[in-house]
Amino acid sequence: MAEPRVPGPDPDDRLELPCGNSLDPHEIDLGMREYTCSCDETHAVVTDVHPPSRFFPESFVVVLQELIETDDEFEEFGTPHLLGVVMEEFPEDVATHDASDDGAVGYSMLWVTDFDARRLHEIVVELVVELMEHAISHAEDDTAVSEFERQMLEFDVGEFVEQYRRQREFESEHDRAL
C-alpha cells in the first residue's frame, strides 16, 4: 500500500553545493544573484530565467543569438548555454538542479557556483572571448583576425565587468538590459 504524503515539493530535495553544504532549491527566488552560505562564502546563483544580458549588453546578446546555432530544446542561445560553457571548464565548481517538474520555484534550471557573482561574471566573459578568438581564428581574412587580436589585447575583462555591473545596478531587483 502506498504511503500517504503531503502534496508539493519534497522537503528532503536538497542541492549539494560545491563547498559540500546543501540548500533547499525553494530558498532561491528569481531575483537572487548570490547565496550566502553557512560555509561563510557567497555563491553565485543563476536560473534559466535570468537573461544573458545579465552578463552582456543586449546588443551583444542579439549578435550571439544570430551567430550561434543551438541543437537543443532551447529556441536560441541563452543563459543555459553560457552556464554550460562554465560547467565544461569548471565541472567541480558548479552545482545544478533540474526544477522543471517543480511549479513552486518559477524556474526550470538552477546553477550555484563555488565563486561569487562577480567572479562568475568575469569567467563567463573570459570564456565567450575565448570562443570568439577560436571562431575568428578560422577566418580567411588576415586583416580581420589581426584587428580582432589587437582589440582583445586592449580589452580588460575586469574593467568591462566592473563598468557593466555598475551600469546594470546589480544590487537591485530592478536591473535592466542595456
Protein backbone atom coordinates (compact mmCIF):
# COMPACT_ATOMS: atom_id res chain seq x y z
CA MET A 1 0.00 0.00 0.00
CA ALA A 2 1.32 3.45 -0.90
CA GLU A 3 2.22 5.73 1.98
CA PRO A 4 0.24 8.94 2.18
CA ARG A 5 2.22 12.13 1.71
CA VAL A 6 1.55 15.83 1.58
CA PRO A 7 1.37 17.17 -1.98
CA GLY A 8 4.07 19.62 -3.04
CA PRO A 9 7.82 19.71 -3.14
CA ASP A 10 9.83 17.07 -1.35
CA PRO A 11 11.30 18.68 1.79
CA ASP A 12 14.30 16.36 1.50
CA ASP A 13 15.08 17.59 -2.04
CA ARG A 14 18.32 19.50 -1.44
CA LEU A 15 21.03 20.69 -3.80
CA GLU A 16 24.56 19.78 -2.76
CA LEU A 17 26.80 22.80 -3.31
CA PRO A 18 30.42 22.67 -4.50
CA CYS A 19 31.55 23.62 -0.97
CA GLY A 20 29.89 20.48 0.45
CA ASN A 21 26.93 22.21 2.10
CA SER A 22 23.43 21.94 0.71
CA LEU A 23 20.44 24.18 0.17
CA ASP A 24 16.75 23.81 -0.46
CA PRO A 25 16.12 24.99 -4.04
CA HIS A 26 12.92 26.62 -2.78
CA GLU A 27 15.07 29.15 -0.90
CA ILE A 28 16.15 30.61 -4.25
CA ASP A 29 13.92 33.33 -5.64
CA LEU A 30 14.07 34.69 -9.17
CA GLY A 31 15.77 37.92 -8.11
CA MET A 32 18.67 36.22 -6.32
CA ARG A 33 22.13 36.60 -7.81
CA GLU A 34 24.07 35.29 -4.81
CA TYR A 35 23.53 32.90 -1.93
CA THR A 36 25.26 33.48 1.41
CA CYS A 37 26.21 30.02 2.56
CA SER A 38 26.86 28.66 6.03
CA CYS A 39 30.42 27.90 4.80
CA ASP A 40 30.99 31.68 5.12
CA GLU A 41 31.31 32.07 1.34
CA THR A 42 28.99 33.67 -1.18
CA HIS A 43 27.97 31.55 -4.18
CA ALA A 44 26.68 32.90 -7.50
CA VAL A 45 23.10 31.90 -8.29
CA VAL A 46 21.81 31.69 -11.86
CA THR A 47 18.47 30.42 -13.12
CA ASP A 48 17.36 29.74 -16.68
CA VAL A 49 15.01 32.75 -16.50
CA HIS A 50 17.95 35.13 -15.99
CA PRO A 51 18.60 36.66 -19.42
CA PRO A 52 22.07 36.53 -20.98
CA SER A 53 22.02 40.33 -20.66
CA ARG A 54 22.88 39.67 -17.04
CA PHE A 55 26.42 39.22 -18.39
CA PHE A 56 26.49 41.15 -21.68
CA PRO A 57 24.80 44.18 -23.26
CA GLU A 58 21.58 43.29 -25.07
CA SER A 59 23.07 44.34 -28.43
CA PHE A 60 25.88 41.80 -27.99
CA VAL A 61 23.41 39.11 -26.89
CA VAL A 62 21.47 39.66 -30.14
CA VAL A 63 24.70 39.13 -32.12
CA LEU A 64 25.46 35.93 -30.21
CA GLN A 65 21.91 34.67 -30.79
CA GLU A 66 22.18 35.38 -34.51
CA LEU A 67 25.57 33.72 -34.89
CA ILE A 68 25.33 30.69 -32.61
CA GLU A 69 23.04 27.87 -33.65
CA THR A 70 21.82 25.61 -30.89
CA ASP A 71 20.87 21.98 -31.22
CA ASP A 72 18.79 21.52 -28.08
CA GLU A 73 15.37 22.24 -26.63
CA PHE A 74 16.06 25.97 -26.31
CA GLU A 75 14.89 28.25 -29.09
CA GLU A 76 18.03 30.37 -29.09
CA PHE A 77 21.42 30.82 -27.47
CA GLY A 78 20.95 31.95 -23.88
CA THR A 79 21.87 31.66 -20.24
CA PRO A 80 21.74 27.82 -20.15
CA HIS A 81 24.38 27.74 -22.89
CA LEU A 82 26.59 30.24 -21.08
CA LEU A 83 26.43 28.15 -17.90
CA GLY A 84 27.08 25.01 -19.94
CA VAL A 85 30.37 26.53 -21.10
CA VAL A 86 31.23 27.39 -17.48
CA MET A 87 30.42 23.81 -16.42
CA GLU A 88 32.73 22.43 -19.11
CA GLU A 89 35.62 24.47 -17.74
CA PHE A 90 34.78 24.17 -14.04
CA PRO A 91 32.78 20.94 -13.58
CA GLU A 92 33.55 20.65 -9.86
CA ASP A 93 32.62 24.27 -9.16
CA VAL A 94 29.03 24.29 -10.44
CA ALA A 95 26.04 22.54 -8.88
CA THR A 96 22.90 22.17 -10.98
CA HIS A 97 19.30 21.48 -10.10
CA ASP A 98 16.56 20.50 -12.56
CA ALA A 99 13.35 22.05 -11.29
CA SER A 100 11.34 21.54 -14.47
CA ASP A 101 8.79 19.42 -12.58
CA ASP A 102 8.54 21.84 -9.64
CA GLY A 103 6.00 24.57 -10.27
CA ALA A 104 6.68 26.16 -6.89
CA VAL A 105 10.03 27.76 -7.81
CA GLY A 106 9.44 29.73 -11.03
CA TYR A 107 12.49 28.40 -12.88
CA SER A 108 13.41 25.16 -14.64
CA MET A 109 17.17 25.12 -14.09
CA LEU A 110 19.29 26.37 -11.23
CA TRP A 111 23.07 26.73 -11.14
CA VAL A 112 25.00 27.58 -7.97
CA THR A 113 28.74 28.12 -8.30
CA ASP A 114 31.65 27.96 -5.93
CA PHE A 115 32.54 31.54 -6.95
CA ASP A 116 30.64 34.72 -6.17
CA ALA A 117 28.52 36.51 -8.78
CA ARG A 118 31.24 38.96 -9.81
CA ARG A 119 33.82 36.21 -10.40
CA LEU A 120 31.24 34.16 -12.32
CA HIS A 121 30.57 37.22 -14.48
CA GLU A 122 34.30 37.51 -15.23
CA ILE A 123 34.52 33.81 -16.08
CA VAL A 124 31.54 33.99 -18.45
CA VAL A 125 33.09 36.97 -20.26
CA GLU A 126 36.51 35.27 -20.43
CA LEU A 127 35.00 32.09 -21.88
CA VAL A 128 32.95 33.93 -24.50
CA VAL A 129 36.06 35.88 -25.52
CA GLU A 130 37.87 32.53 -25.90
CA LEU A 131 35.02 31.23 -28.08
CA MET A 132 35.22 34.37 -30.20
CA GLU A 133 39.00 34.01 -30.53
CA HIS A 134 38.55 30.42 -31.67
CA ALA A 135 35.88 31.39 -34.20
CA ILE A 136 37.88 34.30 -35.66
CA SER A 137 40.97 32.11 -35.97
CA HIS A 138 39.13 30.24 -38.73
CA ALA A 139 38.52 33.42 -40.73
CA GLU A 140 40.30 33.71 -44.05
CA ASP A 141 40.66 37.47 -43.72
CA ASP A 142 44.02 38.06 -42.04
CA THR A 143 43.19 41.73 -41.54
CA ALA A 144 40.05 40.86 -39.56
CA VAL A 145 42.00 38.37 -37.46
CA SER A 146 44.73 40.94 -36.74
CA GLU A 147 42.20 43.62 -35.87
CA PHE A 148 40.33 41.29 -33.52
CA GLU A 149 43.56 40.24 -31.81
CA ARG A 150 44.55 43.91 -31.40
CA GLN A 151 41.19 44.73 -29.85
CA MET A 152 41.40 41.76 -27.48
CA LEU A 153 44.82 42.93 -26.26
CA GLU A 154 43.16 46.20 -25.24
CA PHE A 155 40.10 44.51 -23.70
CA ASP A 156 40.18 44.35 -19.90
CA VAL A 157 37.70 41.74 -18.63
CA GLY A 158 37.76 43.06 -15.05
CA GLU A 159 37.12 46.63 -16.16
CA PHE A 160 34.31 45.54 -18.50
CA VAL A 161 32.63 43.58 -15.70
CA GLU A 162 33.05 46.46 -13.24
CA GLN A 163 31.52 49.03 -15.61
CA TYR A 164 28.74 46.73 -16.77
CA ARG A 165 27.73 45.77 -13.25
CA ARG A 166 27.76 49.41 -12.19
CA GLN A 167 25.50 50.35 -15.13
CA ARG A 168 23.21 47.39 -14.55
CA GLU A 169 22.71 48.18 -10.85
CA PHE A 170 23.21 44.54 -9.85
CA GLU A 171 22.40 45.31 -6.25
CA SER A 172 18.77 45.97 -7.11
CA GLU A 173 15.98 43.67 -8.26
CA HIS A 174 15.21 46.34 -10.86
CA ASP A 175 18.26 45.69 -13.07
CA ARG A 176 17.53 46.07 -16.75
CA ALA A 177 19.05 45.30 -20.12
CA LEU A 178 21.43 47.85 -21.59
